[in-house]
Amino acid sequence: MKEAYQVNKVYSLILILAGAFGFVARYYEMGDWQFTALIPLFFGVILFFCTPGIRKENAAIGHVAALLTSLLVITAIVMLSKGIFGDAGWGRKQWVFLVVILGGIWSLRSQINYFRAQRRRKAAQAKS
């Protein structure tokens, strides 16, 4: 997958599944609803709706998707570091944070490459 919209779509689906998994797993494990587990799901839904705009090369939507992905990755890094250094445990929550971080880096890399290619294309059109 080289296209940014494809990577964004896969990452958004991963976020939706990770959020749903975290929400349901918490209920079966502890017996209560923890709505903060739905944060990745909400980000995933928003990013999923950004996919058609990225595919149509809408720069504003592409930048919004990159900003949301960056925000999510930074938040996941902070939360992962708190979890590891706070209770020194590695559980379900840390795995979800790790998936969010790695997927986000993959998505951001794709978006940055896409933005660079778009600028090169525009510069080549301006020269000719």
N, C-alpha and C. Protein backbone atom coordinates (compact mmCIF):
# COMPACT_ATOMS: atom_id res chain seq x y z
N MET A 1 0.84 -1.17 0.00
CA MET A 1 0.00 0.00 0.00
C MET A 1 0.88 1.24 0.00
N LYS A 2 0.85 1.95 -1.09
CA LYS A 2 1.66 3.15 -1.18
C LYS A 2 0.84 4.41 -1.10
N GLU A 3 -0.42 4.31 -1.37
CA GLU A 3 -1.26 5.50 -1.37
C GLU A 3 -1.63 5.88 0.06
N ALA A 4 -1.61 7.18 0.33
CA ALA A 4 -1.89 7.66 1.69
C ALA A 4 -3.32 7.34 2.11
N TYR A 5 -4.26 7.40 1.18
CA TYR A 5 -5.65 7.13 1.57
C TYR A 5 -5.83 5.66 1.96
N GLN A 6 -5.09 4.75 1.32
CA GLN A 6 -5.19 3.34 1.68
C GLN A 6 -4.63 3.09 3.08
N VAL A 7 -3.49 3.69 3.35
CA VAL A 7 -2.88 3.54 4.67
C VAL A 7 -3.79 4.16 5.73
N ASN A 8 -4.36 5.32 5.44
CA ASN A 8 -5.26 5.97 6.38
C ASN A 8 -6.48 5.10 6.65
N LYS A 9 -7.01 4.48 5.62
CA LYS A 9 -8.18 3.61 5.79
C LYS A 9 -7.85 2.40 6.67
N VAL A 10 -6.72 1.77 6.43
CA VAL A 10 -6.32 0.61 7.22
C VAL A 10 -6.07 1.02 8.67
N TYR A 11 -5.37 2.16 8.85
CA TYR A 11 -5.08 2.63 10.22
C TYR A 11 -6.38 2.98 10.95
N SER A 12 -7.32 3.59 10.26
CA SER A 12 -8.58 3.93 10.92
C SER A 12 -9.33 2.67 11.32
N LEU A 13 -9.30 1.65 10.49
CA LEU A 13 -9.95 0.38 10.85
C LEU A 13 -9.25 -0.29 12.03
N ILE A 14 -7.93 -0.20 12.08
CA ILE A 14 -7.17 -0.73 13.22
C ILE A 14 -7.58 -0.01 14.50
N LEU A 15 -7.71 1.32 14.41
CA LEU A 15 -8.12 2.10 15.58
C LEU A 15 -9.53 1.72 16.04
N ILE A 16 -10.42 1.55 15.09
CA ILE A 16 -11.80 1.18 15.43
C ILE A 16 -11.81 -0.18 16.12
N LEU A 17 -11.08 -1.13 15.58
CA LEU A 17 -11.03 -2.47 16.19
C LEU A 17 -10.34 -2.44 17.56
N ALA A 18 -9.25 -1.67 17.68
CA ALA A 18 -8.54 -1.60 18.96
C ALA A 18 -9.41 -0.96 20.03
N GLY A 19 -10.13 0.09 19.68
CA GLY A 19 -11.03 0.73 20.64
C GLY A 19 -12.16 -0.18 21.07
N ALA A 20 -12.76 -0.85 20.11
CA ALA A 20 -13.86 -1.77 20.42
C ALA A 20 -13.35 -2.94 21.27
N PHE A 21 -12.16 -3.45 20.92
CA PHE A 21 -11.57 -4.55 21.69
C PHE A 21 -11.30 -4.11 23.13
N GLY A 22 -10.71 -2.93 23.29
CA GLY A 22 -10.41 -2.44 24.63
C GLY A 22 -11.66 -2.24 25.47
N PHE A 23 -12.71 -1.73 24.85
CA PHE A 23 -13.97 -1.47 25.54
C PHE A 23 -14.61 -2.78 25.98
N VAL A 24 -14.70 -3.74 25.07
CA VAL A 24 -15.33 -5.02 25.38
C VAL A 24 -14.48 -5.84 26.34
N ALA A 25 -13.16 -5.85 26.14
CA ALA A 25 -12.28 -6.62 27.02
C ALA A 25 -12.34 -6.09 28.45
N ARG A 26 -12.42 -4.78 28.60
CA ARG A 26 -12.52 -4.20 29.94
C ARG A 26 -13.82 -4.65 30.62
N TYR A 27 -14.90 -4.70 29.85
CA TYR A 27 -16.18 -5.11 30.43
C TYR A 27 -16.11 -6.57 30.89
N TYR A 28 -15.55 -7.45 30.07
CA TYR A 28 -15.48 -8.86 30.45
C TYR A 28 -14.46 -9.11 31.54
N GLU A 29 -13.43 -8.27 31.60
CA GLU A 29 -12.40 -8.45 32.61
C GLU A 29 -12.82 -7.89 33.97
N MET A 30 -13.35 -6.67 33.96
CA MET A 30 -13.67 -5.98 35.22
C MET A 30 -15.17 -5.88 35.50
N GLY A 31 -15.98 -6.03 34.47
CA GLY A 31 -17.42 -5.94 34.67
C GLY A 31 -17.98 -4.53 34.64
N ASP A 32 -17.16 -3.56 34.20
CA ASP A 32 -17.66 -2.19 34.11
C ASP A 32 -17.32 -1.61 32.73
N TRP A 33 -18.01 -0.52 32.42
CA TRP A 33 -17.79 0.14 31.13
C TRP A 33 -16.77 1.26 31.32
N GLN A 34 -15.71 1.21 30.58
CA GLN A 34 -14.72 2.29 30.62
C GLN A 34 -14.75 3.00 29.27
N PHE A 35 -15.38 4.15 29.24
CA PHE A 35 -15.60 4.85 27.98
C PHE A 35 -14.33 5.47 27.41
N THR A 36 -13.28 5.62 28.22
CA THR A 36 -12.02 6.13 27.67
C THR A 36 -11.40 5.13 26.70
N ALA A 37 -11.80 3.87 26.79
CA ALA A 37 -11.30 2.87 25.84
C ALA A 37 -11.82 3.14 24.43
N LEU A 38 -12.86 3.95 24.33
CA LEU A 38 -13.44 4.26 23.02
C LEU A 38 -12.73 5.41 22.30
N ILE A 39 -11.74 6.02 22.93
CA ILE A 39 -11.02 7.13 22.29
C ILE A 39 -10.41 6.71 20.96
N PRO A 40 -9.68 5.59 20.88
CA PRO A 40 -9.16 5.19 19.56
C PRO A 40 -10.28 4.94 18.55
N LEU A 41 -11.40 4.41 19.01
CA LEU A 41 -12.51 4.16 18.11
C LEU A 41 -13.02 5.47 17.51
N PHE A 42 -13.18 6.51 18.32
CA PHE A 42 -13.65 7.80 17.81
C PHE A 42 -12.66 8.41 16.83
N PHE A 43 -11.36 8.34 17.16
CA PHE A 43 -10.35 8.83 16.23
C PHE A 43 -10.39 8.04 14.93
N GLY A 44 -10.58 6.73 15.05
CA GLY A 44 -10.65 5.88 13.86
C GLY A 44 -11.82 6.24 12.96
N VAL A 45 -12.96 6.53 13.57
CA VAL A 45 -14.14 6.91 12.78
C VAL A 45 -13.89 8.24 12.06
N ILE A 46 -13.31 9.21 12.76
CA ILE A 46 -13.02 10.50 12.13
C ILE A 46 -12.02 10.32 10.99
N LEU A 47 -10.96 9.55 11.22
CA LEU A 47 -9.97 9.32 10.17
C LEU A 47 -10.57 8.54 9.00
N PHE A 48 -11.49 7.64 9.30
CA PHE A 48 -12.13 6.89 8.23
C PHE A 48 -12.92 7.82 7.32
N PHE A 49 -13.60 8.80 7.91
CA PHE A 49 -14.35 9.76 7.10
C PHE A 49 -13.43 10.75 6.38
N CYS A 50 -12.18 10.85 6.78
CA CYS A 50 -11.21 11.69 6.07
C CYS A 50 -10.66 11.00 4.82
N THR A 51 -10.80 9.69 4.74
CA THR A 51 -10.22 8.92 3.64
C THR A 51 -10.66 9.38 2.26
N PRO A 52 -11.96 9.63 1.99
CA PRO A 52 -12.34 10.10 0.65
C PRO A 52 -11.70 11.44 0.29
N GLY A 53 -11.56 12.33 1.26
CA GLY A 53 -10.92 13.61 1.00
C GLY A 53 -9.45 13.47 0.68
N ILE A 54 -8.79 12.55 1.35
CA ILE A 54 -7.38 12.29 1.07
C ILE A 54 -7.24 11.69 -0.33
N ARG A 55 -8.18 10.82 -0.68
CA ARG A 55 -8.14 10.20 -2.00
C ARG A 55 -8.33 11.23 -3.11
N LYS A 56 -9.16 12.25 -2.85
CA LYS A 56 -9.40 13.30 -3.83
C LYS A 56 -8.35 14.40 -3.77
N GLU A 57 -7.32 14.18 -2.97
CA GLU A 57 -6.18 15.09 -2.81
C GLU A 57 -6.59 16.44 -2.24
N ASN A 58 -7.53 16.44 -1.32
CA ASN A 58 -7.93 17.65 -0.62
C ASN A 58 -6.89 17.91 0.47
N ALA A 59 -6.12 18.98 0.31
CA ALA A 59 -5.01 19.26 1.22
C ALA A 59 -5.50 19.54 2.63
N ALA A 60 -6.61 20.24 2.78
CA ALA A 60 -7.11 20.56 4.12
C ALA A 60 -7.46 19.29 4.89
N ILE A 61 -8.16 18.38 4.25
CA ILE A 61 -8.53 17.13 4.92
C ILE A 61 -7.28 16.30 5.20
N GLY A 62 -6.33 16.30 4.29
CA GLY A 62 -5.08 15.58 4.53
C GLY A 62 -4.33 16.11 5.73
N HIS A 63 -4.32 17.43 5.88
CA HIS A 63 -3.63 18.02 7.03
C HIS A 63 -4.39 17.75 8.33
N VAL A 64 -5.71 17.76 8.27
CA VAL A 64 -6.51 17.42 9.47
C VAL A 64 -6.22 15.97 9.88
N ALA A 65 -6.17 15.08 8.91
CA ALA A 65 -5.87 13.67 9.22
C ALA A 65 -4.47 13.53 9.82
N ALA A 66 -3.50 14.26 9.27
CA ALA A 66 -2.14 14.21 9.81
C ALA A 66 -2.09 14.78 11.22
N LEU A 67 -2.82 15.86 11.46
CA LEU A 67 -2.85 16.46 12.79
C LEU A 67 -3.49 15.52 13.81
N LEU A 68 -4.61 14.91 13.44
CA LEU A 68 -5.28 13.96 14.35
C LEU A 68 -4.39 12.75 14.64
N THR A 69 -3.72 12.26 13.60
CA THR A 69 -2.83 11.12 13.79
C THR A 69 -1.67 11.49 14.70
N SER A 70 -1.10 12.67 14.49
CA SER A 70 0.01 13.12 15.34
C SER A 70 -0.44 13.26 16.79
N LEU A 71 -1.60 13.86 16.99
CA LEU A 71 -2.14 14.03 18.34
C LEU A 71 -2.35 12.67 19.01
N LEU A 72 -2.88 11.73 18.27
CA LEU A 72 -3.14 10.40 18.82
C LEU A 72 -1.83 9.68 19.16
N VAL A 73 -0.83 9.79 18.30
CA VAL A 73 0.46 9.14 18.55
C VAL A 73 1.13 9.74 19.78
N ILE A 74 1.13 11.06 19.88
CA ILE A 74 1.76 11.72 21.04
C ILE A 74 1.05 11.32 22.33
N THR A 75 -0.27 11.32 22.30
CA THR A 75 -1.05 10.92 23.47
C THR A 75 -0.76 9.47 23.86
N ALA A 76 -0.69 8.59 22.86
CA ALA A 76 -0.41 7.18 23.14
C ALA A 76 1.00 6.99 23.70
N ILE A 77 1.96 7.77 23.22
CA ILE A 77 3.33 7.67 23.76
C ILE A 77 3.35 8.09 25.22
N VAL A 78 2.67 9.19 25.53
CA VAL A 78 2.61 9.66 26.92
C VAL A 78 1.94 8.61 27.81
N MET A 79 0.82 8.08 27.35
CA MET A 79 0.09 7.09 28.16
C MET A 79 0.88 5.79 28.30
N LEU A 80 1.58 5.39 27.25
CA LEU A 80 2.40 4.18 27.33
C LEU A 80 3.53 4.37 28.32
N SER A 81 4.18 5.53 28.28
CA SER A 81 5.27 5.78 29.22
C SER A 81 4.76 5.85 30.66
N LYS A 82 3.59 6.40 30.87
CA LYS A 82 3.01 6.43 32.22
C LYS A 82 2.72 5.01 32.71
N GLY A 83 2.19 4.19 31.81
CA GLY A 83 1.85 2.82 32.20
C GLY A 83 3.07 1.98 32.50
N ILE A 84 4.10 2.13 31.69
CA ILE A 84 5.30 1.31 31.89
C ILE A 84 6.07 1.76 33.12
N PHE A 85 6.24 3.08 33.27
CA PHE A 85 7.03 3.58 34.40
C PHE A 85 6.21 3.67 35.68
N GLY A 86 4.89 3.72 35.56
CA GLY A 86 4.04 3.85 36.74
C GLY A 86 3.88 2.55 37.51
N ASP A 87 3.42 1.51 36.82
CA ASP A 87 3.19 0.25 37.52
C ASP A 87 4.07 -0.88 37.01
N ALA A 88 4.95 -0.56 36.08
CA ALA A 88 5.92 -1.52 35.53
C ALA A 88 5.26 -2.79 34.99
N GLY A 89 4.03 -2.68 34.56
CA GLY A 89 3.34 -3.84 34.01
C GLY A 89 3.14 -3.70 32.52
N TRP A 90 3.06 -4.83 31.86
CA TRP A 90 2.81 -4.83 30.43
C TRP A 90 1.57 -5.68 30.20
N GLY A 91 0.46 -5.00 29.93
CA GLY A 91 -0.80 -5.70 29.77
C GLY A 91 -1.50 -5.33 28.48
N ARG A 92 -2.79 -5.58 28.46
CA ARG A 92 -3.61 -5.33 27.28
C ARG A 92 -3.55 -3.87 26.86
N LYS A 93 -3.62 -2.97 27.83
CA LYS A 93 -3.63 -1.54 27.53
C LYS A 93 -2.33 -1.10 26.85
N GLN A 94 -1.20 -1.61 27.32
CA GLN A 94 0.08 -1.24 26.72
C GLN A 94 0.19 -1.74 25.29
N TRP A 95 -0.37 -2.92 25.02
CA TRP A 95 -0.34 -3.44 23.65
C TRP A 95 -1.18 -2.57 22.72
N VAL A 96 -2.32 -2.10 23.21
CA VAL A 96 -3.16 -1.22 22.39
C VAL A 96 -2.42 0.08 22.10
N PHE A 97 -1.77 0.65 23.13
CA PHE A 97 -0.99 1.88 22.90
C PHE A 97 0.13 1.65 21.89
N LEU A 98 0.79 0.50 21.99
CA LEU A 98 1.87 0.20 21.05
C LEU A 98 1.35 0.07 19.62
N VAL A 99 0.21 -0.56 19.44
CA VAL A 99 -0.39 -0.68 18.12
C VAL A 99 -0.77 0.69 17.57
N VAL A 100 -1.33 1.54 18.43
CA VAL A 100 -1.70 2.90 18.01
C VAL A 100 -0.46 3.68 17.59
N ILE A 101 0.62 3.56 18.34
CA ILE A 101 1.85 4.29 18.03
C ILE A 101 2.46 3.81 16.72
N LEU A 102 2.64 2.50 16.59
CA LEU A 102 3.27 1.98 15.38
C LEU A 102 2.42 2.24 14.14
N GLY A 103 1.11 2.07 14.25
CA GLY A 103 0.23 2.37 13.13
C GLY A 103 0.23 3.84 12.78
N GLY A 104 0.29 4.69 13.81
CA GLY A 104 0.32 6.12 13.58
C GLY A 104 1.59 6.56 12.88
N ILE A 105 2.71 5.99 13.28
CA ILE A 105 3.98 6.32 12.62
C ILE A 105 3.93 5.87 11.16
N TRP A 106 3.38 4.70 10.92
CA TRP A 106 3.23 4.20 9.55
C TRP A 106 2.34 5.14 8.73
N SER A 107 1.23 5.57 9.31
CA SER A 107 0.31 6.46 8.63
C SER A 107 0.94 7.83 8.38
N LEU A 108 1.60 8.39 9.38
CA LEU A 108 2.25 9.70 9.21
C LEU A 108 3.33 9.65 8.15
N ARG A 109 4.11 8.57 8.14
CA ARG A 109 5.15 8.42 7.11
C ARG A 109 4.53 8.43 5.72
N SER A 110 3.44 7.73 5.57
CA SER A 110 2.75 7.69 4.29
C SER A 110 2.21 9.06 3.91
N GLN A 111 1.63 9.77 4.87
CA GLN A 111 1.08 11.09 4.59
C GLN A 111 2.17 12.09 4.23
N ILE A 112 3.30 12.03 4.92
CA ILE A 112 4.42 12.94 4.62
C ILE A 112 4.95 12.67 3.22
N ASN A 113 5.12 11.40 2.86
CA ASN A 113 5.56 11.06 1.51
C ASN A 113 4.56 11.53 0.46
N TYR A 114 3.29 11.44 0.78
CA TYR A 114 2.23 11.89 -0.12
C TYR A 114 2.31 13.41 -0.32
N PHE A 115 2.48 14.15 0.78
CA PHE A 115 2.57 15.61 0.67
C PHE A 115 3.79 16.02 -0.15
N ARG A 116 4.91 15.33 0.05
CA ARG A 116 6.12 15.64 -0.73
C ARG A 116 5.90 15.38 -2.22
N ALA A 117 5.28 14.25 -2.53
CA ALA A 117 5.01 13.92 -3.94
C ALA A 117 4.05 14.93 -4.56
N GLN A 118 3.08 15.36 -3.79
CA GLN A 118 2.13 16.35 -4.29
C GLN A 118 2.83 17.68 -4.57
N ARG A 119 3.73 18.10 -3.71
CA ARG A 119 4.49 19.34 -3.94
C ARG A 119 5.38 19.22 -5.16
N ARG A 120 6.04 18.07 -5.31
CA ARG A 120 6.89 17.87 -6.50
C ARG A 120 6.06 17.92 -7.77
N ARG A 121 4.89 17.32 -7.74
CA ARG A 121 4.01 17.30 -8.90
C ARG A 121 3.56 18.73 -9.27
N LYS A 122 3.22 19.52 -8.27
CA LYS A 122 2.79 20.89 -8.51
C LYS A 122 3.96 21.74 -9.03
N ALA A 123 5.15 21.50 -8.49
CA ALA A 123 6.33 22.25 -8.95
C ALA A 123 6.65 21.88 -10.40
N ALA A 124 6.51 20.63 -10.75
CA ALA A 124 6.78 20.20 -12.13
C ALA A 124 5.74 20.79 -13.09
N GLN A 125 4.51 20.88 -12.65
CA GLN A 125 3.46 21.49 -13.49
C GLN A 125 3.70 22.98 -13.67
N ALA A 126 4.20 23.64 -12.65
CA ALA A 126 4.45 25.07 -12.72
C ALA A 126 5.62 25.38 -13.67
N LYS A 127 6.60 24.49 -13.72
CA LYS A 127 7.76 24.68 -14.61
C LYS A 127 7.38 24.49 -16.07
N SER A 128 6.43 23.62 -16.33
CA SER A 128 6.10 23.34 -17.73
C SER A 128 5.01 24.21 -18.28
